[in-house]
PDB file of N, CA and C in Angstrom:
ATOM      1  N   UNK A   1      10.107  20.389 -44.281  1.00  0.00           N
ATOM      2  CA  UNK A   1      10.162  20.601 -42.840  1.00  0.00           C
ATOM      3  C   UNK A   1       8.767  20.909 -42.267  1.00  0.00           C
ATOM      4  N   UNK A   2       8.050  21.739 -42.974  1.00  0.00           N
ATOM      5  CA  UNK A   2       6.721  22.117 -42.511  1.00  0.00           C
ATOM      6  C   UNK A   2       5.778  20.910 -42.507  1.00  0.00           C
ATOM      7  N   UNK A   3       5.937  20.042 -43.482  1.00  0.00           N
ATOM      8  CA  UNK A   3       5.104  18.851 -43.569  1.00  0.00           C
ATOM      9  C   UNK A   3       5.356  17.913 -42.394  1.00  0.00           C
ATOM     10  N   UNK A   4       6.606  17.786 -41.961  1.00  0.00           N
ATOM     11  CA  UNK A   4       6.943  16.938 -40.813  1.00  0.00           C
ATOM     12  C   UNK A   4       6.298  17.460 -39.535  1.00  0.00           C
ATOM     13  N   UNK A   5       6.313  18.751 -39.374  1.00  0.00           N
ATOM     14  CA  UNK A   5       5.706  19.365 -38.177  1.00  0.00           C
ATOM     15  C   UNK A   5       4.207  19.073 -38.149  1.00  0.00           C
ATOM     16  N   UNK A   6       3.535  19.191 -39.280  1.00  0.00           N
ATOM     17  CA  UNK A   6       2.102  18.911 -39.352  1.00  0.00           C
ATOM     18  C   UNK A   6       1.800  17.446 -39.067  1.00  0.00           C
ATOM     19  N   UNK A   7       2.649  16.568 -39.567  1.00  0.00           N
ATOM     20  CA  UNK A   7       2.463  15.133 -39.322  1.00  0.00           C
ATOM     21  C   UNK A   7       2.646  14.816 -37.841  1.00  0.00           C
ATOM     22  N   UNK A   8       3.665  15.373 -37.226  1.00  0.00           N
ATOM     23  CA  UNK A   8       3.912  15.158 -35.796  1.00  0.00           C
ATOM     24  C   UNK A   8       2.760  15.722 -34.968  1.00  0.00           C
ATOM     25  N   UNK A   9       2.312  16.914 -35.323  1.00  0.00           N
ATOM     26  CA  UNK A   9       1.187  17.534 -34.613  1.00  0.00           C
ATOM     27  C   UNK A   9      -0.078  16.677 -34.762  1.00  0.00           C
ATOM     28  N   UNK A  10      -0.315  16.158 -35.943  1.00  0.00           N
ATOM     29  CA  UNK A  10      -1.471  15.300 -36.180  1.00  0.00           C
ATOM     30  C   UNK A  10      -1.382  14.024 -35.342  1.00  0.00           C
ATOM     31  N   UNK A  11      -0.221  13.424 -35.265  1.00  0.00           N
ATOM     32  CA  UNK A  11      -0.041  12.200 -34.477  1.00  0.00           C
ATOM     33  C   UNK A  11      -0.274  12.470 -32.995  1.00  0.00           C
ATOM     34  N   UNK A  12       0.268  13.560 -32.496  1.00  0.00           N
ATOM     35  CA  UNK A  12       0.086  13.913 -31.082  1.00  0.00           C
ATOM     36  C   UNK A  12      -1.389  14.142 -30.771  1.00  0.00           C
ATOM     37  N   UNK A  13      -2.064  14.892 -31.622  1.00  0.00           N
ATOM     38  CA  UNK A  13      -3.488  15.157 -31.395  1.00  0.00           C
ATOM     39  C   UNK A  13      -4.321  13.880 -31.516  1.00  0.00           C
ATOM     40  N   UNK A  14      -3.950  13.001 -32.405  1.00  0.00           N
ATOM     41  CA  UNK A  14      -4.665  11.729 -32.546  1.00  0.00           C
ATOM     42  C   UNK A  14      -4.521  10.867 -31.295  1.00  0.00           C
ATOM     43  N   UNK A  15      -3.322  10.825 -30.750  1.00  0.00           N
ATOM     44  CA  UNK A  15      -3.092  10.051 -29.530  1.00  0.00           C
ATOM     45  C   UNK A  15      -3.892  10.643 -28.369  1.00  0.00           C
ATOM     46  N   UNK A  16      -3.898  11.953 -28.239  1.00  0.00           N
ATOM     47  CA  UNK A  16      -4.687  12.594 -27.178  1.00  0.00           C
ATOM     48  C   UNK A  16      -6.180  12.315 -27.347  1.00  0.00           C
ATOM     49  N   UNK A  17      -6.637  12.374 -28.579  1.00  0.00           N
ATOM     50  CA  UNK A  17      -8.047  12.095 -28.850  1.00  0.00           C
ATOM     51  C   UNK A  17      -8.400  10.652 -28.486  1.00  0.00           C
ATOM     52  N   UNK A  18      -7.564   9.724 -28.856  1.00  0.00           N
ATOM     53  CA  UNK A  18      -7.807   8.316 -28.528  1.00  0.00           C
ATOM     54  C   UNK A  18      -7.798   8.077 -27.020  1.00  0.00           C
ATOM     55  N   UNK A  19      -6.884   8.712 -26.322  1.00  0.00           N
ATOM     56  CA  UNK A  19      -6.797   8.568 -24.870  1.00  0.00           C
ATOM     57  C   UNK A  19      -8.068   9.099 -24.206  1.00  0.00           C
ATOM     58  N   UNK A  20      -8.491  10.284 -24.594  1.00  0.00           N
ATOM     59  CA  UNK A  20      -9.701  10.872 -24.012  1.00  0.00           C
ATOM     60  C   UNK A  20     -10.937  10.030 -24.360  1.00  0.00           C
ATOM     61  N   UNK A  21     -11.001   9.553 -25.579  1.00  0.00           N
ATOM     62  CA  UNK A  21     -12.130   8.722 -25.999  1.00  0.00           C
ATOM     63  C   UNK A  21     -12.203   7.443 -25.178  1.00  0.00           C
ATOM     64  N   UNK A  22     -11.057   6.828 -24.962  1.00  0.00           N
ATOM     65  CA  UNK A  22     -11.012   5.609 -24.158  1.00  0.00           C
ATOM     66  C   UNK A  22     -11.535   5.883 -22.742  1.00  0.00           C
ATOM     67  N   UNK A  23     -11.106   6.973 -22.133  1.00  0.00           N
ATOM     68  CA  UNK A  23     -11.565   7.297 -20.777  1.00  0.00           C
ATOM     69  C   UNK A  23     -13.070   7.544 -20.734  1.00  0.00           C
ATOM     70  N   UNK A  24     -13.579   8.241 -21.712  1.00  0.00           N
ATOM     71  CA  UNK A  24     -15.014   8.524 -21.740  1.00  0.00           C
ATOM     72  C   UNK A  24     -15.807   7.238 -21.925  1.00  0.00           C
ATOM     73  N   UNK A  25     -15.385   6.402 -22.857  1.00  0.00           N
ATOM     74  CA  UNK A  25     -16.090   5.141 -23.100  1.00  0.00           C
ATOM     75  C   UNK A  25     -16.026   4.244 -21.870  1.00  0.00           C
ATOM     76  N   UNK A  26     -14.882   4.220 -21.221  1.00  0.00           N
ATOM     77  CA  UNK A  26     -14.725   3.414 -20.008  1.00  0.00           C
ATOM     78  C   UNK A  26     -15.686   3.873 -18.911  1.00  0.00           C
ATOM     79  N   UNK A  27     -15.813   5.170 -18.718  1.00  0.00           N
ATOM     80  CA  UNK A  27     -16.733   5.683 -17.696  1.00  0.00           C
ATOM     81  C   UNK A  27     -18.180   5.398 -18.047  1.00  0.00           C
ATOM     82  N   UNK A  28     -18.520   5.550 -19.309  1.00  0.00           N
ATOM     83  CA  UNK A  28     -19.903   5.279 -19.737  1.00  0.00           C
ATOM     84  C   UNK A  28     -20.254   3.816 -19.500  1.00  0.00           C
ATOM     85  N   UNK A  29     -19.357   2.935 -19.840  1.00  0.00           N
ATOM     86  CA  UNK A  29     -19.617   1.498 -19.655  1.00  0.00           C
ATOM     87  C   UNK A  29     -19.718   1.151 -18.178  1.00  0.00           C
ATOM     88  N   UNK A  30     -18.787   1.653 -17.371  1.00  0.00           N
ATOM     89  CA  UNK A  30     -18.793   1.320 -15.949  1.00  0.00           C
ATOM     90  C   UNK A  30     -20.006   1.882 -15.221  1.00  0.00           C
ATOM     91  N   UNK A  31     -20.380   3.120 -15.499  1.00  0.00           N
ATOM     92  CA  UNK A  31     -21.472   3.722 -14.760  1.00  0.00           C
ATOM     93  C   UNK A  31     -22.834   3.406 -15.354  1.00  0.00           C
ATOM     94  N   UNK A  32     -22.903   2.963 -16.605  1.00  0.00           N
ATOM     95  CA  UNK A  32     -24.209   2.600 -17.166  1.00  0.00           C
ATOM     96  C   UNK A  32     -24.761   1.356 -16.485  1.00  0.00           C
ATOM     97  N   UNK A  33     -23.889   0.485 -16.011  1.00  0.00           N
ATOM     98  CA  UNK A  33     -24.340  -0.701 -15.278  1.00  0.00           C
ATOM     99  C   UNK A  33     -24.986  -0.324 -13.948  1.00  0.00           C
ATOM    100  N   UNK A  34     -24.657   0.820 -13.436  1.00  0.00           N
ATOM    101  CA  UNK A  34     -25.144   1.248 -12.117  1.00  0.00           C
ATOM    102  C   UNK A  34     -26.023   2.495 -12.227  1.00  0.00           C
ATOM    103  N   UNK A  35     -26.622   2.676 -13.369  1.00  0.00           N
ATOM    104  CA  UNK A  35     -27.426   3.863 -13.623  1.00  0.00           C
ATOM    105  C   UNK A  35     -28.617   3.961 -12.682  1.00  0.00           C
ATOM    106  N   UNK A  36     -29.284   2.856 -12.403  1.00  0.00           N
ATOM    107  CA  UNK A  36     -30.435   2.867 -11.493  1.00  0.00           C
ATOM    108  C   UNK A  36     -30.019   3.282 -10.080  1.00  0.00           C
ATOM    109  N   UNK A  37     -28.859   2.791  -9.665  1.00  0.00           N
ATOM    110  CA  UNK A  37     -28.370   3.152  -8.339  1.00  0.00           C
ATOM    111  C   UNK A  37     -28.101   4.649  -8.259  1.00  0.00           C
ATOM    112  N   UNK A  38     -27.477   5.186  -9.298  1.00  0.00           N
ATOM    113  CA  UNK A  38     -27.097   6.597  -9.292  1.00  0.00           C
ATOM    114  C   UNK A  38     -28.299   7.528  -9.393  1.00  0.00           C
ATOM    115  N   UNK A  39     -29.449   6.999  -9.818  1.00  0.00           N
ATOM    116  CA  UNK A  39     -30.665   7.813  -9.881  1.00  0.00           C
ATOM    117  C   UNK A  39     -31.337   7.959  -8.521  1.00  0.00           C
ATOM    118  N   UNK A  40     -30.965   7.113  -7.574  1.00  0.00           N
ATOM    119  CA  UNK A  40     -31.571   7.177  -6.235  1.00  0.00           C
ATOM    120  C   UNK A  40     -31.215   8.507  -5.568  1.00  0.00           C
ATOM    121  N   UNK A  41     -32.090   8.975  -4.670  1.00  0.00           N
ATOM    122  CA  UNK A  41     -31.739  10.170  -3.895  1.00  0.00           C
ATOM    123  C   UNK A  41     -30.489   9.920  -3.052  1.00  0.00           C
ATOM    124  N   UNK A  42     -29.761  10.963  -2.765  1.00  0.00           N
ATOM    125  CA  UNK A  42     -28.476  10.847  -2.066  1.00  0.00           C
ATOM    126  C   UNK A  42     -28.609  10.178  -0.706  1.00  0.00           C
ATOM    127  N   UNK A  43     -29.713  10.416  -0.003  1.00  0.00           N
ATOM    128  CA  UNK A  43     -29.855   9.827   1.329  1.00  0.00           C
ATOM    129  C   UNK A  43     -30.145   8.324   1.292  1.00  0.00           C
ATOM    130  N   UNK A  44     -30.508   7.786   0.135  1.00  0.00           N
ATOM    131  CA  UNK A  44     -30.768   6.347   0.003  1.00  0.00           C
ATOM    132  C   UNK A  44     -29.563   5.575  -0.533  1.00  0.00           C
ATOM    133  N   UNK A  45     -28.522   6.273  -0.933  1.00  0.00           N
ATOM    134  CA  UNK A  45     -27.344   5.609  -1.472  1.00  0.00           C
ATOM    135  C   UNK A  45     -26.432   5.141  -0.349  1.00  0.00           C
ATOM    136  N   UNK A  46     -25.847   3.966  -0.558  1.00  0.00           N
ATOM    137  CA  UNK A  46     -24.910   3.407   0.407  1.00  0.00           C
ATOM    138  C   UNK A  46     -23.657   2.961  -0.332  1.00  0.00           C
ATOM    139  N   UNK A  47     -22.614   2.715   0.414  1.00  0.00           N
ATOM    140  CA  UNK A  47     -21.356   2.273  -0.166  1.00  0.00           C
ATOM    141  C   UNK A  47     -21.529   0.844  -0.691  1.00  0.00           C
ATOM    142  N   UNK A  48     -21.069   0.617  -1.920  1.00  0.00           N
ATOM    143  CA  UNK A  48     -21.126  -0.714  -2.521  1.00  0.00           C
ATOM    144  C   UNK A  48     -19.760  -1.071  -3.075  1.00  0.00           C
ATOM    145  N   UNK A  49     -19.551  -2.359  -3.326  1.00  0.00           N
ATOM    146  CA  UNK A  49     -18.216  -2.824  -3.696  1.00  0.00           C
ATOM    147  C   UNK A  49     -17.777  -2.449  -5.113  1.00  0.00           C
ATOM    148  N   UNK A  50     -18.660  -1.998  -5.989  1.00  0.00           N
ATOM    149  CA  UNK A  50     -18.275  -1.605  -7.336  1.00  0.00           C
ATOM    150  C   UNK A  50     -17.702  -0.191  -7.379  1.00  0.00           C
ATOM    151  N   UNK A  51     -17.846   0.550  -6.311  1.00  0.00           N
ATOM    152  CA  UNK A  51     -17.379   1.940  -6.267  1.00  0.00           C
ATOM    153  C   UNK A  51     -15.868   2.005  -6.095  1.00  0.00           C
ATOM    154  N   UNK A  52     -15.269   3.022  -6.682  1.00  0.00           N
ATOM    155  CA  UNK A  52     -13.835   3.228  -6.476  1.00  0.00           C
ATOM    156  C   UNK A  52     -13.621   3.932  -5.145  1.00  0.00           C
ATOM    157  N   UNK A  53     -12.425   3.810  -4.620  1.00  0.00           N
ATOM    158  CA  UNK A  53     -12.113   4.461  -3.346  1.00  0.00           C
ATOM    159  C   UNK A  53     -12.228   5.976  -3.466  1.00  0.00           C
ATOM    160  N   UNK A  54     -11.817   6.499  -4.605  1.00  0.00           N
ATOM    161  CA  UNK A  54     -11.896   7.934  -4.820  1.00  0.00           C
ATOM    162  C   UNK A  54     -13.358   8.406  -4.852  1.00  0.00           C
ATOM    163  N   UNK A  55     -14.234   7.635  -5.485  1.00  0.00           N
ATOM    164  CA  UNK A  55     -15.656   7.967  -5.533  1.00  0.00           C
ATOM    165  C   UNK A  55     -16.259   7.943  -4.130  1.00  0.00           C
ATOM    166  N   UNK A  56     -15.905   6.956  -3.347  1.00  0.00           N
ATOM    167  CA  UNK A  56     -16.402   6.857  -1.971  1.00  0.00           C
ATOM    168  C   UNK A  56     -15.945   8.063  -1.163  1.00  0.00           C
ATOM    169  N   UNK A  57     -14.709   8.417  -1.327  1.00  0.00           N
ATOM    170  CA  UNK A  57     -14.155   9.567  -0.601  1.00  0.00           C
ATOM    171  C   UNK A  57     -14.910  10.843  -0.945  1.00  0.00           C
ATOM    172  N   UNK A  58     -15.155  11.063  -2.234  1.00  0.00           N
ATOM    173  CA  UNK A  58     -15.844  12.292  -2.662  1.00  0.00           C
ATOM    174  C   UNK A  58     -17.333  12.254  -2.345  1.00  0.00           C
ATOM    175  N   UNK A  59     -17.987  11.146  -2.656  1.00  0.00           N
ATOM    176  CA  UNK A  59     -19.447  11.079  -2.562  1.00  0.00           C
ATOM    177  C   UNK A  59     -19.952  11.023  -1.122  1.00  0.00           C
ATOM    178  N   UNK A  60     -19.272  10.262  -0.282  1.00  0.00           N
ATOM    179  CA  UNK A  60     -19.732  10.067   1.085  1.00  0.00           C
ATOM    180  C   UNK A  60     -18.939  10.890   2.091  1.00  0.00           C
ATOM    181  N   UNK A  61     -18.003  11.681   1.604  1.00  0.00           N
ATOM    182  CA  UNK A  61     -17.203  12.577   2.438  1.00  0.00           C
ATOM    183  C   UNK A  61     -16.523  11.819   3.580  1.00  0.00           C
ATOM    184  N   UNK A  62     -15.847  10.737   3.218  1.00  0.00           N
ATOM    185  CA  UNK A  62     -15.143   9.905   4.187  1.00  0.00           C
ATOM    186  C   UNK A  62     -13.653  10.115   4.002  1.00  0.00           C
ATOM    187  N   UNK A  63     -12.964  10.383   5.084  1.00  0.00           N
ATOM    188  CA  UNK A  63     -11.510  10.519   5.021  1.00  0.00           C
ATOM    189  C   UNK A  63     -10.903   9.120   5.023  1.00  0.00           C
ATOM    190  N   UNK A  64     -10.646   8.603   3.839  1.00  0.00           N
ATOM    191  CA  UNK A  64     -10.163   7.225   3.725  1.00  0.00           C
ATOM    192  C   UNK A  64      -8.763   7.061   4.288  1.00  0.00           C
ATOM    193  N   UNK A  65      -7.943   8.082   4.221  1.00  0.00           N
ATOM    194  CA  UNK A  65      -6.600   7.954   4.787  1.00  0.00           C
ATOM    195  C   UNK A  65      -6.693   7.714   6.294  1.00  0.00           C
ATOM    196  N   UNK A  66      -7.636   8.369   6.921  1.00  0.00           N
ATOM    197  CA  UNK A  66      -7.833   8.150   8.360  1.00  0.00           C
ATOM    198  C   UNK A  66      -8.346   6.744   8.630  1.00  0.00           C
ATOM    199  N   UNK A  67      -9.268   6.264   7.785  1.00  0.00           N
ATOM    200  CA  UNK A  67      -9.849   4.933   7.981  1.00  0.00           C
ATOM    201  C   UNK A  67      -8.889   3.816   7.577  1.00  0.00           C
ATOM    202  N   UNK A  68      -8.048   4.061   6.581  1.00  0.00           N
ATOM    203  CA  UNK A  68      -7.214   3.007   6.024  1.00  0.00           C
ATOM    204  C   UNK A  68      -5.764   3.062   6.477  1.00  0.00           C
ATOM    205  N   UNK A  69      -5.322   4.180   6.957  1.00  0.00           N
ATOM    206  CA  UNK A  69      -3.892   4.369   7.197  1.00  0.00           C
ATOM    207  C   UNK A  69      -3.326   3.368   8.201  1.00  0.00           C
ATOM    208  N   UNK A  70      -4.031   3.119   9.282  1.00  0.00           N
ATOM    209  CA  UNK A  70      -3.511   2.214  10.306  1.00  0.00           C
ATOM    210  C   UNK A  70      -3.393   0.780   9.795  1.00  0.00           C
ATOM    211  N   UNK A  71      -4.428   0.311   9.104  1.00  0.00           N
ATOM    212  CA  UNK A  71      -4.474  -1.085   8.709  1.00  0.00           C
ATOM    213  C   UNK A  71      -4.025  -1.298   7.269  1.00  0.00           C
ATOM    214  N   UNK A  72      -4.398  -0.382   6.399  1.00  0.00           N
ATOM    215  CA  UNK A  72      -4.195  -0.591   4.971  1.00  0.00           C
ATOM    216  C   UNK A  72      -3.577   0.664   4.375  1.00  0.00           C
ATOM    217  N   UNK A  73      -2.600   0.472   3.524  1.00  0.00           N
ATOM    218  CA  UNK A  73      -1.962   1.610   2.868  1.00  0.00           C
ATOM    219  C   UNK A  73      -2.426   1.653   1.421  1.00  0.00           C
ATOM    220  N   UNK A  74      -3.002   2.765   0.998  1.00  0.00           N
ATOM    221  CA  UNK A  74      -3.591   2.867  -0.334  1.00  0.00           C
ATOM    222  C   UNK A  74      -2.818   3.872  -1.175  1.00  0.00           C
ATOM    223  N   UNK A  75      -2.355   3.395  -2.314  1.00  0.00           N
ATOM    224  CA  UNK A  75      -1.716   4.299  -3.286  1.00  0.00           C
ATOM    225  C   UNK A  75      -2.697   4.636  -4.401  1.00  0.00           C
ATOM    226  N   UNK A  76      -3.363   3.635  -4.909  1.00  0.00           N
ATOM    227  CA  UNK A  76      -4.235   3.805  -6.066  1.00  0.00           C
ATOM    228  C   UNK A  76      -5.669   4.018  -5.600  1.00  0.00           C
ATOM    229  N   UNK A  77      -6.142   5.240  -5.677  1.00  0.00           N
ATOM    230  CA  UNK A  77      -7.496   5.549  -5.238  1.00  0.00           C
ATOM    231  C   UNK A  77      -8.534   5.240  -6.311  1.00  0.00           C
ATOM    232  N   UNK A  78      -8.106   4.819  -7.500  1.00  0.00           N
ATOM    233  CA  UNK A  78      -9.038   4.481  -8.570  1.00  0.00           C
ATOM    234  C   UNK A  78      -9.416   3.003  -8.552  1.00  0.00           C
ATOM    235  N   UNK A  79      -8.918   2.278  -7.605  1.00  0.00           N
ATOM    236  CA  UNK A  79      -9.223   0.853  -7.490  1.00  0.00           C
ATOM    237  C   UNK A  79     -10.630   0.705  -6.895  1.00  0.00           C
ATOM    238  N   UNK A  80     -11.367  -0.295  -7.381  1.00  0.00           N
ATOM    239  CA  UNK A  80     -12.703  -0.517  -6.827  1.00  0.00           C
ATOM    240  C   UNK A  80     -12.572  -1.146  -5.440  1.00  0.00           C
ATOM    241  N   UNK A  81     -13.598  -0.993  -4.674  1.00  0.00           N
ATOM    242  CA  UNK A  81     -13.595  -1.542  -3.315  1.00  0.00           C
ATOM    243  C   UNK A  81     -13.489  -3.059  -3.351  1.00  0.00           C
ATOM    244  N   UNK A  82     -14.147  -3.682  -4.314  1.00  0.00           N
ATOM    245  CA  UNK A  82     -14.093  -5.138  -4.459  1.00  0.00           C
ATOM    246  C   UNK A  82     -12.667  -5.604  -4.738  1.00  0.00           C
ATOM    247  N   UNK A  83     -11.969  -4.930  -5.659  1.00  0.00           N
ATOM    248  CA  UNK A  83     -10.588  -5.295  -5.980  1.00  0.00           C
ATOM    249  C   UNK A  83      -9.646  -5.006  -4.811  1.00  0.00           C
ATOM    250  N   UNK A  84      -9.936  -3.939  -4.094  1.00  0.00           N
ATOM    251  CA  UNK A  84      -9.121  -3.593  -2.925  1.00  0.00           C
ATOM    252  C   UNK A  84      -9.239  -4.677  -1.854  1.00  0.00           C
ATOM    253  N   UNK A  85     -10.455  -5.146  -1.635  1.00  0.00           N
ATOM    254  CA  UNK A  85     -10.664  -6.195  -0.635  1.00  0.00           C
ATOM    255  C   UNK A  85      -9.966  -7.489  -1.039  1.00  0.00           C
ATOM    256  N   UNK A  86     -10.021  -7.814  -2.326  1.00  0.00           N
ATOM    257  CA  UNK A  86      -9.314  -9.007  -2.807  1.00  0.00           C
ATOM    258  C   UNK A  86      -7.810  -8.854  -2.604  1.00  0.00           C
ATOM    259  N   UNK A  87      -7.309  -7.690  -2.919  1.00  0.00           N
ATOM    260  CA  UNK A  87      -5.875  -7.446  -2.818  1.00  0.00           C
ATOM    261  C   UNK A  87      -5.387  -7.547  -1.380  1.00  0.00           C
ATOM    262  N   UNK A  88      -6.169  -7.013  -0.461  1.00  0.00           N
ATOM    263  CA  UNK A  88      -5.784  -7.012   0.957  1.00  0.00           C
ATOM    264  C   UNK A  88      -6.282  -8.237   1.711  1.00  0.00           C
ATOM    265  N   UNK A  89      -7.046  -9.087   1.023  1.00  0.00           N
ATOM    266  CA  UNK A  89      -7.588 -10.319   1.599  1.00  0.00           C
ATOM    267  C   UNK A  89      -8.417 -10.049   2.853  1.00  0.00           C
ATOM    268  N   UNK A  90      -9.358  -9.142   2.699  1.00  0.00           N
ATOM    269  CA  UNK A  90     -10.260  -8.802   3.802  1.00  0.00           C
ATOM    270  C   UNK A  90     -11.699  -9.055   3.366  1.00  0.00           C
ATOM    271  N   UNK A  91     -12.582  -9.175   4.326  1.00  0.00           N
ATOM    272  CA  UNK A  91     -13.998  -9.362   4.058  1.00  0.00           C
ATOM    273  C   UNK A  91     -14.587  -8.013   3.647  1.00  0.00           C
ATOM    274  N   UNK A  92     -15.088  -7.958   2.426  1.00  0.00           N
ATOM    275  CA  UNK A  92     -15.573  -6.698   1.877  1.00  0.00           C
ATOM    276  C   UNK A  92     -16.825  -6.191   2.613  1.00  0.00           C
ATOM    277  N   UNK A  93     -17.714  -7.086   2.991  1.00  0.00           N
ATOM    278  CA  UNK A  93     -18.930  -6.673   3.693  1.00  0.00           C
ATOM    279  C   UNK A  93     -18.613  -6.020   5.035  1.00  0.00           C
ATOM    280  N   UNK A  94     -17.703  -6.606   5.776  1.00  0.00           N
ATOM    281  CA  UNK A  94     -17.305  -6.019   7.065  1.00  0.00           C
ATOM    282  C   UNK A  94     -16.606  -4.685   6.851  1.00  0.00           C
ATOM    283  N   UNK A  95     -15.804  -4.625   5.820  1.00  0.00           N
ATOM    284  CA  UNK A  95     -15.089  -3.394   5.529  1.00  0.00           C
ATOM    285  C   UNK A  95     -16.052  -2.266   5.142  1.00  0.00           C
ATOM    286  N   UNK A  96     -17.069  -2.605   4.359  1.00  0.00           N
ATOM    287  CA  UNK A  96     -18.090  -1.610   3.984  1.00  0.00           C
ATOM    288  C   UNK A  96     -18.824  -1.117   5.220  1.00  0.00           C
ATOM    289  N   UNK A  97     -19.168  -2.033   6.126  1.00  0.00           N
ATOM    290  CA  UNK A  97     -19.828  -1.632   7.369  1.00  0.00           C
ATOM    291  C   UNK A  97     -18.954  -0.696   8.196  1.00  0.00           C
ATOM    292  N   UNK A  98     -17.661  -0.961   8.223  1.00  0.00           N
ATOM    293  CA  UNK A  98     -16.766  -0.083   8.986  1.00  0.00           C
ATOM    294  C   UNK A  98     -16.644   1.283   8.335  1.00  0.00           C
ATOM    295  N   UNK A  99     -16.735   1.339   7.017  1.00  0.00           N
ATOM    296  CA  UNK A  99     -16.694   2.641   6.334  1.00  0.00           C
ATOM    297  C   UNK A  99     -17.965   3.430   6.544  1.00  0.00           C
ATOM    298  N   UNK A 100     -19.104   2.747   6.657  1.00  0.00           N
ATOM    299  CA  UNK A 100     -20.377   3.434   6.808  1.00  0.00           C
ATOM    300  C   UNK A 100     -20.570   4.008   8.206  1.00  0.00           C
ATOM    301  N   UNK A 101     -19.828   3.491   9.156  1.00  0.00           N
ATOM    302  CA  UNK A 101     -19.884   4.058  10.511  1.00  0.00           C
ATOM    303  C   UNK A 101     -19.136   5.374  10.499  1.00  0.00           C
ATOM    304  N   UNK A 102     -19.811   6.425  10.896  1.00  0.00           N
ATOM    305  CA  UNK A 102     -19.159   7.750  10.870  1.00  0.00           C
ATOM    306  C   UNK A 102     -18.876   8.249  12.248  1.00  0.00           C
TER     307      UNK A 102
END
């Protein structure tokens, strides 16, 4: 009985470790491509299509629900702006300009 508990505990911890590792590797890969951009001073950074909606909301302090609620309904805030524009069939450049207007 004790051996079964240890095996189950080991499996659970292994799955958690793999899940966390996947998330860390995913973030490293995604943000390493944009490392030069992220090194820029905050006042020189602008919204770009590779950013997630959640990142835009936090980084640029934009209330996306206010900006998107009338025209677009967003459930998944982890979607990139580029994928969001494809999904909603809108021009991403115009949409970025509308987000940058405060």
